[in-house]
Protein backbone atom coordinates (compact mmCIF):
# COMPACT_ATOMS: atom_id res chain seq x y z
CA MET A 1 0.00 0.00 0.00
CA VAL A 2 1.31 3.44 -0.95
CA ASP A 3 0.81 6.11 1.71
CA PHE A 4 1.77 9.75 1.12
CA SER A 5 0.80 10.97 4.58
CA LEU A 6 3.37 11.88 7.22
CA SER A 7 3.21 10.20 10.60
CA ASP A 8 2.57 12.24 13.74
CA GLU A 9 6.28 11.93 14.55
CA HIS A 10 7.20 13.25 11.12
CA LYS A 11 4.78 16.14 11.46
CA GLY A 12 6.25 17.02 14.84
CA LEU A 13 9.76 16.97 13.39
CA VAL A 14 8.71 19.19 10.47
CA ASP A 15 6.96 21.64 12.81
CA THR A 16 10.03 21.86 15.05
CA ALA A 17 12.38 22.50 12.13
CA ARG A 18 9.98 24.96 10.49
CA ARG A 19 9.57 26.94 13.70
CA PHE A 20 13.33 26.99 14.17
CA ALA A 21 13.83 28.31 10.64
CA LYS A 22 11.31 31.10 11.14
CA GLU A 23 12.42 32.08 14.64
CA ARG A 24 16.20 31.59 14.52
CA ILE A 25 17.35 31.52 10.89
CA ILE A 26 15.24 34.01 8.92
CA PRO A 27 15.87 36.93 11.33
CA VAL A 28 19.67 36.70 10.84
CA ALA A 29 19.89 35.35 7.27
CA ALA A 30 20.31 38.66 5.41
CA GLU A 31 22.95 39.95 7.83
CA CYS A 32 24.92 36.69 7.72
CA ASP A 33 24.75 36.72 3.93
CA ARG A 34 26.01 40.30 3.77
CA ASP A 35 28.85 39.67 6.23
CA SER A 36 29.69 36.17 4.92
CA ARG A 37 29.38 34.92 8.49
CA PHE A 38 28.06 31.65 9.86
CA PRO A 39 25.99 32.11 13.07
CA MET A 40 27.49 29.54 15.41
CA ASP A 41 24.87 30.32 18.05
CA VAL A 42 22.21 29.16 15.59
CA PHE A 43 24.12 25.93 14.98
CA LYS A 44 24.36 25.25 18.71
CA ALA A 45 20.65 25.90 19.15
CA ALA A 46 19.87 23.50 16.28
CA TRP A 47 22.11 20.88 17.89
CA GLU A 48 20.27 21.26 21.20
CA LEU A 49 16.96 20.59 19.41
CA GLY A 50 18.29 17.46 17.73
CA LEU A 51 18.28 18.97 14.24
CA VAL A 52 21.99 18.19 13.73
CA ASN A 53 23.35 14.65 13.13
CA PRO A 54 19.88 13.03 13.23
CA SER A 55 21.03 9.84 11.46
CA VAL A 56 23.71 8.85 13.97
CA PRO A 57 22.66 5.43 15.32
CA GLU A 58 21.40 5.25 18.90
CA GLU A 59 24.31 3.05 20.01
CA TYR A 60 26.65 5.96 19.26
CA GLY A 61 24.57 8.56 21.05
CA GLY A 62 22.37 9.67 18.16
CA ALA A 63 18.65 9.74 17.50
CA GLY A 64 18.89 6.90 14.99
CA LEU A 65 16.63 8.64 12.49
CA GLY A 66 16.60 7.74 8.82
CA GLU A 67 17.42 9.57 5.62
CA PHE A 68 13.74 10.44 5.24
CA GLU A 69 13.64 12.29 8.54
CA ASN A 70 16.95 13.99 7.81
CA ALA A 71 15.60 15.24 4.48
CA LEU A 72 12.44 16.57 6.12
CA ILE A 73 14.60 18.62 8.49
CA THR A 74 16.79 19.85 5.65
CA GLU A 75 13.84 21.17 3.65
CA GLN A 76 12.58 23.26 6.54
CA LEU A 77 16.01 24.68 7.44
CA ALA A 78 16.63 25.65 3.80
CA TYR A 79 13.36 27.57 3.82
CA GLY A 80 15.04 29.92 6.28
CA CYS A 81 18.42 30.18 4.51
CA ALA A 82 20.09 27.66 2.21
CA GLY A 83 23.55 28.78 3.30
CA ILE A 84 22.90 28.39 7.00
CA GLN A 85 21.16 25.09 6.29
CA THR A 86 24.16 23.81 4.33
CA SER A 87 26.48 24.38 7.28
CA ILE A 88 24.02 23.02 9.84
CA THR A 89 23.52 19.80 7.87
CA ALA A 90 27.08 19.39 6.53
CA ASN A 91 27.96 17.01 9.37
CA GLN A 92 25.71 14.55 7.56
CA LEU A 93 28.15 14.48 4.65
CA ALA A 94 31.11 13.88 6.97
CA LEU A 95 29.47 11.30 9.20
CA THR A 96 27.96 9.22 6.39
CA PRO A 97 31.23 7.58 5.24
CA ILE A 98 32.04 6.80 8.87
CA ARG A 99 28.58 5.31 9.38
CA LEU A 100 28.90 3.30 6.14
CA GLY A 101 32.50 2.15 6.31
CA GLY A 102 33.95 2.91 9.72
CA SER A 103 35.05 0.42 12.33
CA ASP A 104 33.12 0.18 15.58
CA ALA A 105 35.95 2.03 17.33
CA GLN A 106 35.85 4.84 14.76
CA LYS A 107 32.08 5.13 15.08
CA LYS A 108 32.23 5.21 18.87
CA LYS A 109 34.86 7.92 18.85
CA TYR A 110 33.86 10.22 16.01
CA LEU A 111 30.10 9.77 15.84
CA GLY A 112 30.14 9.97 19.62
CA MET A 113 32.01 13.28 19.42
CA LEU A 114 29.32 14.73 17.15
CA THR A 115 26.53 13.78 19.52
CA SER A 116 28.24 14.68 22.79
CA GLU A 117 28.78 18.36 21.98
CA PRO A 118 27.92 20.84 19.18
CA ILE A 119 30.94 20.41 16.93
CA MET A 120 31.38 20.32 13.16
CA ALA A 121 33.10 17.89 10.83
CA SER A 122 34.05 18.28 7.17
CA TYR A 123 34.15 16.02 4.12
CA ALA A 124 37.13 16.61 1.83
CA THR A 125 37.23 15.24 -1.71
CA SER A 126 37.36 18.29 -3.99
CA GLU A 127 40.63 19.79 -5.18
CA PRO A 128 41.57 22.69 -7.48
CA GLY A 129 41.88 20.24 -10.38
CA ALA A 130 39.52 17.52 -9.22
CA GLY A 131 35.93 18.51 -8.52
CA SER A 132 33.51 16.33 -10.44
CA ASP A 133 36.50 14.16 -11.47
CA VAL A 134 37.02 12.59 -8.06
CA ALA A 135 39.32 9.93 -9.54
CA GLY A 136 41.62 12.72 -10.74
CA MET A 137 42.61 13.84 -7.23
CA THR A 138 46.28 14.52 -6.58
CA THR A 139 46.37 14.60 -2.76
CA ARG A 140 48.71 11.72 -1.97
CA PHE A 141 49.22 9.29 0.87
CA LYS A 142 52.06 6.92 1.51
CA LYS A 143 52.58 4.25 4.11
CA VAL A 144 55.44 4.86 6.54
CA GLY A 145 55.75 2.01 9.01
CA ASP A 146 52.33 1.56 10.58
CA ASP A 147 51.33 5.15 9.79
CA TYR A 148 50.17 7.02 6.70
CA VAL A 149 51.43 10.42 5.56
CA LEU A 150 49.19 12.80 3.58
CA ASN A 151 50.23 15.66 1.31
CA GLY A 152 48.07 17.90 -0.84
CA GLN A 153 45.31 20.46 -0.88
CA LYS A 154 41.54 20.24 -0.63
CA CYS A 155 39.21 23.06 -1.63
CA TRP A 156 35.52 24.01 -1.43
CA ILE A 157 35.35 22.34 1.98
CA THR A 158 32.18 23.22 3.87
CA ASN A 159 32.79 24.21 7.51
CA ALA A 160 36.55 23.76 7.09
CA SER A 161 37.23 26.74 9.37
CA TYR A 162 35.17 25.23 12.19
CA ALA A 163 35.65 21.48 11.82
CA THR A 164 37.01 19.36 14.67
CA PHE A 165 37.89 16.56 12.26
CA TYR A 166 37.91 15.89 8.52
CA VAL A 167 37.18 12.87 6.34
CA VAL A 168 39.92 13.18 3.73
CA PHE A 169 40.22 11.24 0.47
CA ALA A 170 43.67 10.76 -1.07
CA THR A 171 45.40 8.50 -3.57
CA ILE A 172 48.51 6.37 -3.31
CA ASP A 173 49.21 6.85 -7.03
CA THR A 174 47.62 9.44 -9.33
CA ALA A 175 48.07 7.10 -12.29
CA ALA A 176 45.88 4.50 -10.55
CA LYS A 177 42.86 6.83 -10.68
CA HIS A 178 39.94 5.40 -8.65
CA LYS A 179 41.87 2.21 -7.84
CA GLY A 180 44.40 4.14 -5.76
CA ILE A 181 42.04 6.14 -3.54
CA GLY A 182 41.75 5.66 0.21
CA ALA A 183 39.97 7.60 2.97
CA PHE A 184 41.22 8.85 6.33
CA ILE A 185 39.84 10.56 9.43
CA VAL A 186 42.12 13.49 10.22
CA ASP A 187 41.90 15.45 13.46
CA ARG A 188 41.94 19.24 13.31
CA ASP A 189 44.99 19.49 15.55
CA ALA A 190 47.08 17.08 13.44
CA PRO A 191 50.52 18.66 12.79
CA GLY A 192 50.78 19.80 9.19
CA LEU A 193 47.06 20.42 8.70
CA LYS A 194 46.28 24.06 8.03
CA VAL A 195 43.04 25.79 7.08
CA GLY A 196 43.62 28.17 4.18
CA LYS A 197 41.66 31.00 2.64
CA LYS A 198 37.92 31.33 3.06
CA GLU A 199 36.06 31.65 -0.24
CA ASP A 200 34.22 34.89 -1.06
CA LYS A 201 31.18 33.39 -2.78
CA LEU A 202 28.27 34.49 -4.93
CA GLY A 203 25.65 32.76 -2.80
CA GLN A 204 25.22 30.66 0.33
CA ARG A 205 27.59 33.18 1.85
CA ALA A 206 26.58 32.31 5.40
CA SER A 207 28.06 28.85 4.90
CA ASP A 208 31.78 28.61 5.61
CA THR A 209 33.78 27.32 2.64
CA ALA A 210 37.56 27.14 2.81
CA VAL A 211 40.74 25.42 1.66
CA ILE A 212 42.71 22.91 3.74
CA HIS A 213 46.41 22.20 3.26
CA LEU A 214 47.99 18.87 4.19
CA ASP A 215 51.76 18.99 4.66
CA ASP A 216 53.22 15.67 5.84
CA VAL A 217 50.15 15.01 7.98
CA VAL A 218 50.59 11.73 9.86
CA VAL A 219 47.51 9.53 10.24
CA LYS A 220 47.57 6.50 12.53
CA LYS A 221 46.36 3.20 11.13
CA GLU A 222 43.33 3.26 13.41
CA ASN A 223 42.12 6.33 11.49
CA VAL A 224 42.16 4.66 8.09
CA LEU A 225 38.53 4.72 6.98
CA ALA A 226 38.99 3.00 3.61
CA PRO A 227 42.19 1.33 2.39
CA GLU A 228 43.78 1.83 -1.00
CA GLY A 229 41.27 1.06 -3.75
CA GLN A 230 38.20 1.30 -1.51
CA GLY A 231 37.99 5.06 -1.05
CA PHE A 232 36.40 5.89 -4.39
CA LYS A 233 33.55 3.45 -3.82
CA LEU A 234 32.98 4.91 -0.34
CA ALA A 235 32.94 8.47 -1.72
CA MET A 236 30.42 7.56 -4.43
CA GLU A 237 28.14 5.75 -2.01
CA THR A 238 28.30 8.70 0.35
CA PHE A 239 27.10 11.00 -2.44
CA ASN A 240 24.36 8.52 -3.30
CA GLN A 241 23.16 8.72 0.30
CA THR A 242 23.34 12.51 0.60
CA ARG A 243 22.02 13.67 -2.78
CA PRO A 244 18.39 13.48 -1.61
CA ASP A 245 19.37 16.08 1.00
CA ILE A 246 20.41 18.48 -1.77
CA ALA A 247 17.00 17.99 -3.37
CA ALA A 248 15.36 18.58 0.01
CA GLY A 249 17.30 21.82 0.44
CA ALA A 250 16.26 22.83 -3.06
CA THR A 251 12.64 22.19 -2.10
CA GLY A 252 12.90 24.43 0.94
CA LEU A 253 14.43 27.21 -1.14
CA MET A 254 11.70 26.87 -3.79
CA GLN A 255 8.93 26.86 -1.21
CA ARG A 256 10.32 30.11 0.20
CA ALA A 257 10.51 31.62 -3.29
CA LEU A 258 6.94 30.53 -4.04
CA ASP A 259 5.58 31.88 -0.75
CA GLU A 260 7.35 35.22 -1.14
CA SER A 261 6.21 35.54 -4.76
CA THR A 262 2.60 34.60 -4.04
CA ALA A 263 2.35 37.12 -1.21
CA TYR A 264 3.93 39.82 -3.38
CA ALA A 265 1.63 39.02 -6.31
CA LYS A 266 -1.38 39.63 -4.08
CA GLU A 267 -0.15 43.06 -2.96
CA ARG A 268 1.75 44.63 -5.87
CA LYS A 269 -0.54 46.38 -8.33
CA THR A 270 -0.07 47.27 -11.98
CA PHE A 271 -2.68 48.55 -14.39
CA GLY A 272 -5.04 48.97 -11.46
CA VAL A 273 -5.06 45.33 -10.27
CA PRO A 274 -2.77 43.04 -8.23
CA ILE A 275 -0.18 41.46 -10.52
CA GLY A 276 -1.46 38.05 -9.43
CA GLN A 277 -4.47 38.69 -11.66
CA HIS A 278 -2.28 38.80 -14.77
CA GLN A 279 -2.24 35.41 -16.45
CA LEU A 280 1.47 35.40 -17.24
CA VAL A 281 2.29 35.98 -13.57
CA GLN A 282 -0.15 33.23 -12.64
CA ALA A 283 1.65 30.91 -15.06
CA MET A 284 4.99 31.60 -13.39
CA LEU A 285 3.54 30.92 -9.94
CA ALA A 286 1.99 27.69 -11.20
CA GLU A 287 5.30 26.49 -12.68
CA MET A 288 7.06 27.31 -9.43
CA ALA A 289 4.51 25.21 -7.53
CA ILE A 290 4.90 22.31 -9.99
CA ARG A 291 8.68 22.25 -9.59
CA THR A 292 8.48 22.51 -5.81
CA GLU A 293 6.01 19.67 -5.41
CA GLY A 294 7.80 17.53 -8.00
CA THR A 295 11.14 17.87 -6.21
CA ARG A 296 9.54 17.17 -2.84
CA LEU A 297 8.13 13.88 -4.10
CA LEU A 298 11.45 12.93 -5.68
CA TYR A 299 13.55 13.52 -2.57
CA MET A 300 11.01 11.69 -0.43
CA LYS A 301 11.11 8.67 -2.73
CA ALA A 302 14.93 8.65 -2.84
CA ALA A 303 15.23 8.95 0.95
CA TRP A 304 12.51 6.33 1.50
CA GLN A 305 14.44 3.88 -0.69
CA LEU A 306 17.69 4.50 1.16
CA ASP A 307 16.03 3.78 4.49
CA ARG A 308 14.91 0.42 3.09
CA HIS A 309 18.37 -0.36 1.72
CA LEU A 310 17.01 -0.23 -1.82
CA ARG A 311 20.12 1.07 -3.54
CA ASP A 312 19.10 3.18 -6.52
CA PRO A 313 21.70 5.74 -7.62
CA MET A 314 19.45 6.82 -10.49
CA THR A 315 16.63 8.02 -8.24
CA SER A 316 19.06 9.95 -6.03
CA ALA A 317 20.65 11.50 -9.12
CA ILE A 318 17.27 12.40 -10.62
CA ALA A 319 16.19 14.06 -7.38
CA LYS A 320 19.41 16.04 -7.17
CA ALA A 321 19.49 17.10 -10.83
CA TYR A 322 15.83 17.98 -11.12
CA GLY A 323 15.80 19.71 -7.73
CA ALA A 324 18.90 21.81 -8.39
CA ASP A 325 17.83 22.90 -11.86
CA SER A 326 14.30 23.56 -10.66
CA ALA A 327 15.52 25.66 -7.74
CA MET A 328 17.61 27.82 -10.05
CA GLN A 329 14.71 28.44 -12.44
CA THR A 330 12.24 29.00 -9.61
CA ALA A 331 14.50 31.57 -7.98
CA ILE A 332 14.92 33.34 -11.32
CA ASP A 333 11.15 33.39 -11.73
CA ALA A 334 10.74 34.79 -8.22
CA VAL A 335 13.00 37.72 -9.11
CA GLN A 336 10.93 38.24 -12.26
CA VAL A 337 7.67 38.32 -10.29
CA PHE A 338 9.16 40.99 -8.05
CA GLY A 339 10.39 42.94 -11.07
CA GLY A 340 12.76 45.78 -10.22
CA ASN A 341 12.24 45.18 -6.51
CA GLY A 342 13.48 41.63 -6.96
CA TYR A 343 16.83 42.96 -8.16
CA THR A 344 17.46 44.79 -4.88
CA LYS A 345 18.63 43.50 -1.53
CA GLU A 346 15.59 45.02 0.14
CA TYR A 347 13.67 41.88 -0.80
CA PRO A 348 14.77 38.27 -0.16
CA VAL A 349 14.42 36.83 -3.66
CA GLU A 350 17.76 38.07 -5.05
CA LYS A 351 19.46 36.11 -2.27
CA LEU A 352 17.42 33.04 -3.13
CA MET A 353 18.65 33.28 -6.71
CA ARG A 354 22.29 33.55 -5.60
CA ASP A 355 21.87 30.71 -3.10
CA ALA A 356 20.27 28.41 -5.67
CA LYS A 357 23.12 28.37 -8.18
CA VAL A 358 25.54 26.25 -6.20
CA LEU A 359 22.93 23.48 -5.93
CA GLN A 360 23.73 22.76 -9.58
CA ILE A 361 27.43 22.47 -8.75
CA TYR A 362 28.27 20.86 -5.41
CA GLU A 363 28.03 17.12 -4.66
CA GLY A 364 28.13 16.42 -8.38
CA THR A 365 27.08 18.94 -11.02
CA SER A 366 23.77 18.66 -12.83
CA GLN A 367 25.74 17.36 -15.81
CA ILE A 368 27.38 14.64 -13.72
CA GLN A 369 23.94 13.59 -12.46
CA ARG A 370 22.82 13.10 -16.03
CA ILE A 371 25.83 10.89 -16.69
CA VAL A 372 24.92 8.80 -13.64
CA ILE A 373 21.33 8.52 -14.85
CA ALA A 374 22.36 7.57 -18.40
CA LYS A 375 24.80 4.92 -17.18
CA GLN A 376 22.07 3.36 -15.04
CA LEU A 377 19.70 3.32 -18.00
CA LEU A 378 22.25 1.82 -20.38
CA SER A 379 23.41 -0.80 -17.87
CA GLY A 380 19.86 -2.08 -17.55
């Protein structure tokens, strides 16, 4: 039996996250965007409410919620500000490879750290020359006795300036491509690890994004998350698990754009009537609603499948690609509904447009998603 209704527990979770977005995120979003500043007090408040790290299993101190519940939270937080949401939920990206491939000792230590106090962790795959081409990374590791030594640079790392630890992917041999990649848990205070410049971004400016440098960083064998040859698979499965969250964030952004545009269309008058009475404006609002509802259903399906261990990279990729592209177009349409006012910072829709763009880029571009989808189709 197919059931599209949310349980009472789900409704309570949505209400909590929605109220948090309206009371704690929206009031500071514009200022944080302007100053390119992440509000750590908001993160700590979200952690206290259980809105951070919801998928950590109960045996490691977490709530043990599923991907579906995590996506519901993400949508509501993104309604308030996609940048703040990205940093609040970024622990999910770092903890997922540990949850999927970590030893019991690693889970107890690092997942336990995330649930015992409001700290951040970062996921580090991207490099200046290896974004979508994960197998092309040049950050190297070599085995020295029982230890491993890392050298290289990672960029576009969310929460890098705040992270207590990092999940870092590196290769033993660049010529080996995906077959040479491993994964490591690196503590913030590891000698040789340095956080570099913070990016000055177009959108999602409230989310911290920075470079990390690895200069002869020693990693003990107990912090090896994936050995040589297994890291690429772990990175890809992590993205498969987290792509529904990108679609959920896109949904929250679109719902905000739709709500702002609908309210404005009822008030703003041209030619003696509210602009909402003009059919072409009505058409834009209708298309915005179609994209929002379509993405919501897609992320829910993808998350529902993951919770039932129904591995389906195509559905996750479809949700991410459609959601990201839809969010960009919906934000553009919102600016159009607002007209000249939409092009000013006095109204929130110009920020929504800037925030939406990166959804088409991070965690696999919209073009990469289409490659994933096509490969699944052609493989049968």
